[in-house]
PDB file of N, CA and C in Angstrom:
ATOM      1  N   MET A   1      -4.614  19.786 -10.703  1.00  0.00           N
ATOM      2  CA  MET A   1      -5.591  18.861 -10.149  1.00  0.00           C
ATOM      3  C   MET A   1      -5.255  17.406 -10.431  1.00  0.00           C
ATOM      4  N   SER A   2      -4.495  17.119 -11.484  1.00  0.00           N
ATOM      5  CA  SER A   2      -4.225  15.734 -11.834  1.00  0.00           C
ATOM      6  C   SER A   2      -3.413  15.006 -10.767  1.00  0.00           C
ATOM      7  N   GLY A   3      -2.688  15.723  -9.908  1.00  0.00           N
ATOM      8  CA  GLY A   3      -1.910  15.108  -8.856  1.00  0.00           C
ATOM      9  C   GLY A   3      -2.707  14.778  -7.606  1.00  0.00           C
ATOM     10  N   GLU A   4      -3.965  15.202  -7.549  1.00  0.00           N
ATOM     11  CA  GLU A   4      -4.783  14.946  -6.371  1.00  0.00           C
ATOM     12  C   GLU A   4      -5.346  13.527  -6.404  1.00  0.00           C
ATOM     13  N   LYS A   5      -5.426  12.920  -5.223  1.00  0.00           N
ATOM     14  CA  LYS A   5      -5.955  11.562  -5.100  1.00  0.00           C
ATOM     15  C   LYS A   5      -7.067  11.548  -4.069  1.00  0.00           C
ATOM     16  N   LYS A   6      -7.991  10.630  -4.255  1.00  0.00           N
ATOM     17  CA  LYS A   6      -9.069  10.442  -3.285  1.00  0.00           C
ATOM     18  C   LYS A   6      -8.499   9.773  -2.047  1.00  0.00           C
ATOM     19  N   ILE A   7      -9.142   9.980  -0.908  1.00  0.00           N
ATOM     20  CA  ILE A   7      -8.696   9.363   0.342  1.00  0.00           C
ATOM     21  C   ILE A   7      -8.689   7.838   0.224  1.00  0.00           C
ATOM     22  N   THR A   8      -9.566   7.281  -0.612  1.00  0.00           N
ATOM     23  CA  THR A   8      -9.611   5.828  -0.805  1.00  0.00           C
ATOM     24  C   THR A   8      -8.409   5.304  -1.581  1.00  0.00           C
ATOM     25  N   GLU A   9      -7.636   6.201  -2.198  1.00  0.00           N
ATOM     26  CA  GLU A   9      -6.459   5.797  -2.957  1.00  0.00           C
ATOM     27  C   GLU A   9      -5.174   5.925  -2.151  1.00  0.00           C
ATOM     28  N   VAL A  10      -5.247   6.423  -0.937  1.00  0.00           N
ATOM     29  CA  VAL A  10      -4.092   6.585  -0.077  1.00  0.00           C
ATOM     30  C   VAL A  10      -3.744   5.233   0.558  1.00  0.00           C
ATOM     31  N   VAL A  11      -2.476   5.042   0.912  1.00  0.00           N
ATOM     32  CA  VAL A  11      -2.007   3.764   1.453  1.00  0.00           C
ATOM     33  C   VAL A  11      -1.556   3.953   2.899  1.00  0.00           C
ATOM     34  N   PRO A  12      -2.484   3.976   3.877  1.00  0.00           N
ATOM     35  CA  PRO A  12      -2.088   4.215   5.262  1.00  0.00           C
ATOM     36  C   PRO A  12      -1.613   2.968   6.019  1.00  0.00           C
ATOM     37  N   VAL A  13      -2.062   1.777   5.633  1.00  0.00           N
ATOM     38  CA  VAL A  13      -1.681   0.536   6.321  1.00  0.00           C
ATOM     39  C   VAL A  13      -1.552  -0.599   5.312  1.00  0.00           C
ATOM     40  N   ARG A  14      -0.843  -1.645   5.703  1.00  0.00           N
ATOM     41  CA  ARG A  14      -0.600  -2.795   4.823  1.00  0.00           C
ATOM     42  C   ARG A  14      -1.876  -3.389   4.267  1.00  0.00           C
ATOM     43  N   ASP A  15      -2.904  -3.489   5.091  1.00  0.00           N
ATOM     44  CA  ASP A  15      -4.154  -4.125   4.673  1.00  0.00           C
ATOM     45  C   ASP A  15      -4.783  -3.411   3.481  1.00  0.00           C
ATOM     46  N   ILE A  16      -4.580  -2.109   3.399  1.00  0.00           N
ATOM     47  CA  ILE A  16      -5.120  -1.336   2.279  1.00  0.00           C
ATOM     48  C   ILE A  16      -4.402  -1.718   0.985  1.00  0.00           C
ATOM     49  N   ILE A  17      -3.087  -1.907   1.045  1.00  0.00           N
ATOM     50  CA  ILE A  17      -2.344  -2.342  -0.143  1.00  0.00           C
ATOM     51  C   ILE A  17      -2.907  -3.672  -0.625  1.00  0.00           C
ATOM     52  N   PHE A  18      -3.087  -4.607   0.292  1.00  0.00           N
ATOM     53  CA  PHE A  18      -3.623  -5.927  -0.062  1.00  0.00           C
ATOM     54  C   PHE A  18      -4.987  -5.793  -0.735  1.00  0.00           C
ATOM     55  N   GLN A  19      -5.871  -5.016  -0.131  1.00  0.00           N
ATOM     56  CA  GLN A  19      -7.221  -4.841  -0.685  1.00  0.00           C
ATOM     57  C   GLN A  19      -7.181  -4.194  -2.060  1.00  0.00           C
ATOM     58  N   GLN A  20      -6.363  -3.174  -2.223  1.00  0.00           N
ATOM     59  CA  GLN A  20      -6.276  -2.500  -3.520  1.00  0.00           C
ATOM     60  C   GLN A  20      -5.698  -3.424  -4.587  1.00  0.00           C
ATOM     61  N   LEU A  21      -4.658  -4.167  -4.239  1.00  0.00           N
ATOM     62  CA  LEU A  21      -4.051  -5.063  -5.218  1.00  0.00           C
ATOM     63  C   LEU A  21      -5.012  -6.161  -5.661  1.00  0.00           C
ATOM     64  N   THR A  22      -5.814  -6.690  -4.737  1.00  0.00           N
ATOM     65  CA  THR A  22      -6.731  -7.771  -5.109  1.00  0.00           C
ATOM     66  C   THR A  22      -7.999  -7.246  -5.772  1.00  0.00           C
ATOM     67  N   LYS A  23      -8.645  -6.280  -5.166  1.00  0.00           N
ATOM     68  CA  LYS A  23      -9.951  -5.833  -5.655  1.00  0.00           C
ATOM     69  C   LYS A  23      -9.871  -4.842  -6.814  1.00  0.00           C
ATOM     70  N   LYS A  24      -8.885  -3.949  -6.771  1.00  0.00           N
ATOM     71  CA  LYS A  24      -8.816  -2.883  -7.762  1.00  0.00           C
ATOM     72  C   LYS A  24      -7.899  -3.229  -8.943  1.00  0.00           C
ATOM     73  N   TYR A  25      -6.813  -3.952  -8.653  1.00  0.00           N
ATOM     74  CA  TYR A  25      -5.815  -4.203  -9.684  1.00  0.00           C
ATOM     75  C   TYR A  25      -5.701  -5.665 -10.117  1.00  0.00           C
ATOM     76  N   GLY A  26      -6.513  -6.547  -9.576  1.00  0.00           N
ATOM     77  CA  GLY A  26      -6.618  -7.922 -10.071  1.00  0.00           C
ATOM     78  C   GLY A  26      -5.517  -8.899  -9.710  1.00  0.00           C
ATOM     79  N   PHE A  27      -4.779  -8.655  -8.645  1.00  0.00           N
ATOM     80  CA  PHE A  27      -3.758  -9.603  -8.210  1.00  0.00           C
ATOM     81  C   PHE A  27      -4.409 -10.751  -7.444  1.00  0.00           C
ATOM     82  N   GLU A  28      -3.807 -11.918  -7.515  1.00  0.00           N
ATOM     83  CA  GLU A  28      -4.251 -13.059  -6.718  1.00  0.00           C
ATOM     84  C   GLU A  28      -3.939 -12.760  -5.250  1.00  0.00           C
ATOM     85  N   PRO A  29      -4.789 -13.205  -4.316  1.00  0.00           N
ATOM     86  CA  PRO A  29      -4.579 -12.897  -2.893  1.00  0.00           C
ATOM     87  C   PRO A  29      -3.200 -13.260  -2.352  1.00  0.00           C
ATOM     88  N   LYS A  30      -2.681 -14.428  -2.706  1.00  0.00           N
ATOM     89  CA  LYS A  30      -1.376 -14.849  -2.177  1.00  0.00           C
ATOM     90  C   LYS A  30      -0.271 -13.886  -2.626  1.00  0.00           C
ATOM     91  N   GLU A  31      -0.292 -13.526  -3.905  1.00  0.00           N
ATOM     92  CA  GLU A  31       0.722 -12.605  -4.420  1.00  0.00           C
ATOM     93  C   GLU A  31       0.535 -11.201  -3.846  1.00  0.00           C
ATOM     94  N   ALA A  32      -0.707 -10.757  -3.720  1.00  0.00           N
ATOM     95  CA  ALA A  32      -0.993  -9.440  -3.145  1.00  0.00           C
ATOM     96  C   ALA A  32      -0.500  -9.370  -1.702  1.00  0.00           C
ATOM     97  N   PHE A  33      -0.686 -10.435  -0.945  1.00  0.00           N
ATOM     98  CA  PHE A  33      -0.217 -10.449   0.436  1.00  0.00           C
ATOM     99  C   PHE A  33       1.308 -10.372   0.486  1.00  0.00           C
ATOM    100  N   THR A  34       1.975 -11.135  -0.372  1.00  0.00           N
ATOM    101  CA  THR A  34       3.436 -11.130  -0.401  1.00  0.00           C
ATOM    102  C   THR A  34       3.971  -9.746  -0.763  1.00  0.00           C
ATOM    103  N   ILE A  35       3.344  -9.100  -1.745  1.00  0.00           N
ATOM    104  CA  ILE A  35       3.759  -7.749  -2.136  1.00  0.00           C
ATOM    105  C   ILE A  35       3.518  -6.771  -0.989  1.00  0.00           C
ATOM    106  N   SER A  36       2.335  -6.835  -0.386  1.00  0.00           N
ATOM    107  CA  SER A  36       2.010  -5.897   0.689  1.00  0.00           C
ATOM    108  C   SER A  36       2.933  -6.080   1.896  1.00  0.00           C
ATOM    109  N   GLU A  37       3.311  -7.308   2.189  1.00  0.00           N
ATOM    110  CA  GLU A  37       4.259  -7.561   3.289  1.00  0.00           C
ATOM    111  C   GLU A  37       5.639  -7.015   2.951  1.00  0.00           C
ATOM    112  N   SER A  38       6.075  -7.197   1.715  1.00  0.00           N
ATOM    113  CA  SER A  38       7.373  -6.682   1.306  1.00  0.00           C
ATOM    114  C   SER A  38       7.405  -5.155   1.406  1.00  0.00           C
ATOM    115  N   VAL A  39       6.332  -4.518   0.959  1.00  0.00           N
ATOM    116  CA  VAL A  39       6.236  -3.054   1.052  1.00  0.00           C
ATOM    117  C   VAL A  39       6.205  -2.634   2.513  1.00  0.00           C
ATOM    118  N   ARG A  40       5.388  -3.306   3.310  1.00  0.00           N
ATOM    119  CA  ARG A  40       5.246  -2.964   4.731  1.00  0.00           C
ATOM    120  C   ARG A  40       6.586  -2.993   5.457  1.00  0.00           C
ATOM    121  N   LYS A  41       7.417  -3.970   5.121  1.00  0.00           N
ATOM    122  CA  LYS A  41       8.702  -4.130   5.796  1.00  0.00           C
ATOM    123  C   LYS A  41       9.817  -3.291   5.165  1.00  0.00           C
ATOM    124  N   GLY A  42       9.466  -2.524   4.118  1.00  0.00           N
ATOM    125  CA  GLY A  42      10.461  -1.677   3.475  1.00  0.00           C
ATOM    126  C   GLY A  42      11.404  -2.415   2.545  1.00  0.00           C
ATOM    127  N   LYS A  43      11.024  -3.616   2.114  1.00  0.00           N
ATOM    128  CA  LYS A  43      11.886  -4.422   1.237  1.00  0.00           C
ATOM    129  C   LYS A  43      11.673  -4.119  -0.242  1.00  0.00           C
ATOM    130  N   GLY A  44      10.674  -3.315  -0.561  1.00  0.00           N
ATOM    131  CA  GLY A  44      10.473  -2.880  -1.932  1.00  0.00           C
ATOM    132  C   GLY A  44       9.624  -3.802  -2.789  1.00  0.00           C
ATOM    133  N   ILE A  45       9.552  -3.434  -4.077  1.00  0.00           N
ATOM    134  CA  ILE A  45       8.662  -4.133  -5.014  1.00  0.00           C
ATOM    135  C   ILE A  45       9.403  -4.595  -6.265  1.00  0.00           C
ATOM    136  N   LYS A  46      10.713  -4.578  -6.249  1.00  0.00           N
ATOM    137  CA  LYS A  46      11.518  -4.887  -7.429  1.00  0.00           C
ATOM    138  C   LYS A  46      11.075  -6.183  -8.113  1.00  0.00           C
ATOM    139  N   LYS A  47      10.840  -7.215  -7.337  1.00  0.00           N
ATOM    140  CA  LYS A  47      10.474  -8.533  -7.871  1.00  0.00           C
ATOM    141  C   LYS A  47       9.163  -8.494  -8.673  1.00  0.00           C
ATOM    142  N   TRP A  48       8.251  -7.595  -8.321  1.00  0.00           N
ATOM    143  CA  TRP A  48       6.923  -7.529  -8.943  1.00  0.00           C
ATOM    144  C   TRP A  48       6.729  -6.278  -9.789  1.00  0.00           C
ATOM    145  N   GLU A  49       7.783  -5.509  -9.973  1.00  0.00           N
ATOM    146  CA  GLU A  49       7.644  -4.201 -10.612  1.00  0.00           C
ATOM    147  C   GLU A  49       7.022  -4.272 -12.010  1.00  0.00           C
ATOM    148  N   GLN A  50       7.425  -5.226 -12.830  1.00  0.00           N
ATOM    149  CA  GLN A  50       6.875  -5.319 -14.187  1.00  0.00           C
ATOM    150  C   GLN A  50       5.372  -5.596 -14.149  1.00  0.00           C
ATOM    151  N   GLU A  51       4.949  -6.546 -13.320  1.00  0.00           N
ATOM    152  CA  GLU A  51       3.519  -6.848 -13.217  1.00  0.00           C
ATOM    153  C   GLU A  51       2.740  -5.663 -12.654  1.00  0.00           C
ATOM    154  N   LEU A  52       3.314  -4.971 -11.687  1.00  0.00           N
ATOM    155  CA  LEU A  52       2.675  -3.775 -11.136  1.00  0.00           C
ATOM    156  C   LEU A  52       2.514  -2.712 -12.225  1.00  0.00           C
ATOM    157  N   LYS A  53       3.533  -2.540 -13.067  1.00  0.00           N
ATOM    158  CA  LYS A  53       3.458  -1.557 -14.148  1.00  0.00           C
ATOM    159  C   LYS A  53       2.342  -1.894 -15.129  1.00  0.00           C
ATOM    160  N   GLU A  54       2.085  -3.188 -15.324  1.00  0.00           N
ATOM    161  CA  GLU A  54       1.041  -3.622 -16.252  1.00  0.00           C
ATOM    162  C   GLU A  54      -0.361  -3.417 -15.678  1.00  0.00           C
ATOM    163  N   LYS A  55      -0.497  -3.453 -14.342  1.00  0.00           N
ATOM    164  CA  LYS A  55      -1.821  -3.429 -13.725  1.00  0.00           C
ATOM    165  C   LYS A  55      -2.161  -2.159 -12.942  1.00  0.00           C
ATOM    166  N   CYS A  56      -1.156  -1.417 -12.513  1.00  0.00           N
ATOM    167  CA  CYS A  56      -1.381  -0.281 -11.611  1.00  0.00           C
ATOM    168  C   CYS A  56      -0.900   1.024 -12.240  1.00  0.00           C
ATOM    169  N   PRO A  57      -1.496   2.154 -11.816  1.00  0.00           N
ATOM    170  CA  PRO A  57      -1.012   3.447 -12.309  1.00  0.00           C
ATOM    171  C   PRO A  57       0.377   3.764 -11.748  1.00  0.00           C
ATOM    172  N   SER A  58       1.123   4.562 -12.478  1.00  0.00           N
ATOM    173  CA  SER A  58       2.507   4.875 -12.081  1.00  0.00           C
ATOM    174  C   SER A  58       2.580   5.570 -10.727  1.00  0.00           C
ATOM    175  N   TRP A  59       1.603   6.443 -10.409  1.00  0.00           N
ATOM    176  CA  TRP A  59       1.637   7.142  -9.120  1.00  0.00           C
ATOM    177  C   TRP A  59       1.522   6.144  -7.965  1.00  0.00           C
ATOM    178  N   TYR A  60       0.761   5.058  -8.151  1.00  0.00           N
ATOM    179  CA  TYR A  60       0.593   4.051  -7.104  1.00  0.00           C
ATOM    180  C   TYR A  60       1.910   3.297  -6.886  1.00  0.00           C
ATOM    181  N   ILE A  61       2.571   2.957  -7.974  1.00  0.00           N
ATOM    182  CA  ILE A  61       3.863   2.270  -7.883  1.00  0.00           C
ATOM    183  C   ILE A  61       4.881   3.166  -7.188  1.00  0.00           C
ATOM    184  N   ASP A  62       4.879   4.454  -7.517  1.00  0.00           N
ATOM    185  CA  ASP A  62       5.794   5.403  -6.871  1.00  0.00           C
ATOM    186  C   ASP A  62       5.571   5.441  -5.360  1.00  0.00           C
ATOM    187  N   ILE A  63       4.317   5.422  -4.937  1.00  0.00           N
ATOM    188  CA  ILE A  63       4.006   5.413  -3.502  1.00  0.00           C
ATOM    189  C   ILE A  63       4.554   4.144  -2.858  1.00  0.00           C
ATOM    190  N   LEU A  64       4.326   2.989  -3.489  1.00  0.00           N
ATOM    191  CA  LEU A  64       4.815   1.725  -2.929  1.00  0.00           C
ATOM    192  C   LEU A  64       6.340   1.736  -2.814  1.00  0.00           C
ATOM    193  N   LYS A  65       7.017   2.338  -3.774  1.00  0.00           N
ATOM    194  CA  LYS A  65       8.486   2.411  -3.738  1.00  0.00           C
ATOM    195  C   LYS A  65       8.982   3.294  -2.598  1.00  0.00           C
ATOM    196  N   ASP A  66       8.222   4.324  -2.263  1.00  0.00           N
ATOM    197  CA  ASP A  66       8.649   5.283  -1.238  1.00  0.00           C
ATOM    198  C   ASP A  66       8.407   4.821   0.194  1.00  0.00           C
ATOM    199  N   ILE A  67       7.594   3.811   0.382  1.00  0.00           N
ATOM    200  CA  ILE A  67       7.251   3.361   1.738  1.00  0.00           C
ATOM    201  C   ILE A  67       8.437   2.627   2.356  1.00  0.00           C
ATOM    202  N   THR A  68       8.799   3.034   3.577  1.00  0.00           N
ATOM    203  CA  THR A  68       9.887   2.353   4.283  1.00  0.00           C
ATOM    204  C   THR A  68       9.365   1.447   5.393  1.00  0.00           C
ATOM    205  N   TYR A  69       8.186   1.722   5.905  1.00  0.00           N
ATOM    206  CA  TYR A  69       7.554   0.838   6.886  1.00  0.00           C
ATOM    207  C   TYR A  69       6.085   1.221   7.017  1.00  0.00           C
ATOM    208  N   LEU A  70       5.238   0.214   7.147  1.00  0.00           N
ATOM    209  CA  LEU A  70       3.809   0.423   7.397  1.00  0.00           C
ATOM    210  C   LEU A  70       3.378  -0.474   8.537  1.00  0.00           C
ATOM    211  N   PHE A  71       2.525   0.037   9.394  1.00  0.00           N
ATOM    212  CA  PHE A  71       1.937  -0.797  10.429  1.00  0.00           C
ATOM    213  C   PHE A  71       0.856  -1.673   9.817  1.00  0.00           C
ATOM    214  N   PRO A  72       0.693  -2.903  10.353  1.00  0.00           N
ATOM    215  CA  PRO A  72      -0.502  -3.663   9.999  1.00  0.00           C
ATOM    216  C   PRO A  72      -1.695  -2.910  10.597  1.00  0.00           C
ATOM    217  N   LYS A  73      -2.864  -3.060  10.040  1.00  0.00           N
ATOM    218  CA  LYS A  73      -4.053  -2.327  10.482  1.00  0.00           C
ATOM    219  C   LYS A  73      -4.335  -2.538  11.968  1.00  0.00           C
ATOM    220  N   ALA A  74      -4.176  -3.745  12.468  1.00  0.00           N
ATOM    221  CA  ALA A  74      -4.473  -4.052  13.865  1.00  0.00           C
ATOM    222  C   ALA A  74      -3.635  -3.213  14.824  1.00  0.00           C
ATOM    223  N   LYS A  75      -2.414  -2.889  14.464  1.00  0.00           N
ATOM    224  CA  LYS A  75      -1.563  -2.070  15.336  1.00  0.00           C
ATOM    225  C   LYS A  75      -1.841  -0.587  15.172  1.00  0.00           C
ATOM    226  N   GLU A  76      -2.307  -0.174  14.005  1.00  0.00           N
ATOM    227  CA  GLU A  76      -2.527   1.239  13.719  1.00  0.00           C
ATOM    228  C   GLU A  76      -3.702   1.803  14.505  1.00  0.00           C
ATOM    229  N   ILE A  77      -4.774   1.055  14.642  1.00  0.00           N
ATOM    230  CA  ILE A  77      -5.990   1.545  15.290  1.00  0.00           C
ATOM    231  C   ILE A  77      -5.724   2.026  16.723  1.00  0.00           C
ATOM    232  N   PRO A  78      -5.072   1.227  17.598  1.00  0.00           N
ATOM    233  CA  PRO A  78      -4.827   1.717  18.957  1.00  0.00           C
ATOM    234  C   PRO A  78      -3.909   2.940  18.997  1.00  0.00           C
ATOM    235  N   SER A  79      -2.997   3.066  18.032  1.00  0.00           N
ATOM    236  CA  SER A  79      -2.067   4.196  17.999  1.00  0.00           C
ATOM    237  C   SER A  79      -2.786   5.515  17.771  1.00  0.00           C
ATOM    238  N   VAL A  80      -3.900   5.493  17.086  1.00  0.00           N
ATOM    239  CA  VAL A  80      -4.647   6.708  16.811  1.00  0.00           C
ATOM    240  C   VAL A  80      -5.078   7.373  18.104  1.00  0.00           C
ATOM    241  N   GLY A  81      -5.426   6.584  19.116  1.00  0.00           N
ATOM    242  CA  GLY A  81      -5.848   7.126  20.404  1.00  0.00           C
ATOM    243  C   GLY A  81      -4.718   7.807  21.155  1.00  0.00           C
ATOM    244  N   LEU A  82      -3.474   7.532  20.790  1.00  0.00           N
ATOM    245  CA  LEU A  82      -2.329   8.120  21.471  1.00  0.00           C
ATOM    246  C   LEU A  82      -1.988   9.506  20.955  1.00  0.00           C
ATOM    247  N   VAL A  83      -2.511   9.865  19.813  1.00  0.00           N
ATOM    248  CA  VAL A  83      -2.216  11.167  19.211  1.00  0.00           C
ATOM    249  C   VAL A  83      -3.101  12.243  19.841  1.00  0.00           C
ATOM    250  N   LYS A  84      -2.452  13.282  20.362  1.00  0.00           N
ATOM    251  CA  LYS A  84      -3.187  14.385  20.969  1.00  0.00           C
ATOM    252  C   LYS A  84      -3.284  15.526  19.975  1.00  0.00           C
ATOM    253  N   PRO A  85      -4.462  16.108  19.813  1.00  0.00           N
ATOM    254  CA  PRO A  85      -4.574  17.254  18.914  1.00  0.00           C
ATOM    255  C   PRO A  85      -3.803  18.449  19.458  1.00  0.00           C
ATOM    256  N   SER A  86      -3.252  19.256  18.559  1.00  0.00           N
ATOM    257  CA  SER A  86      -2.458  20.422  18.973  1.00  0.00           C
ATOM    258  C   SER A  86      -3.348  21.540  19.437  1.00  0.00           C
TER     259      SER A  86
END
């Protein structure tokens, strides 16, 4: 059970990373935006890794490291309508 996460802890779009970093983990908005953009574009978190380790759980950092691309929220919403249920 320890590996399970709430849906609110999942990172589906860049905007969620920004919100979590500012509201949940105490990052300043400018830095949170820069980190979320770097993650979104697949450029990684190396530059901020130490600060992330101090403020965020290891599972969250692992997720950020694994992301290769994320849509901004504005682009994700219309895409949902394109998915047809099986």
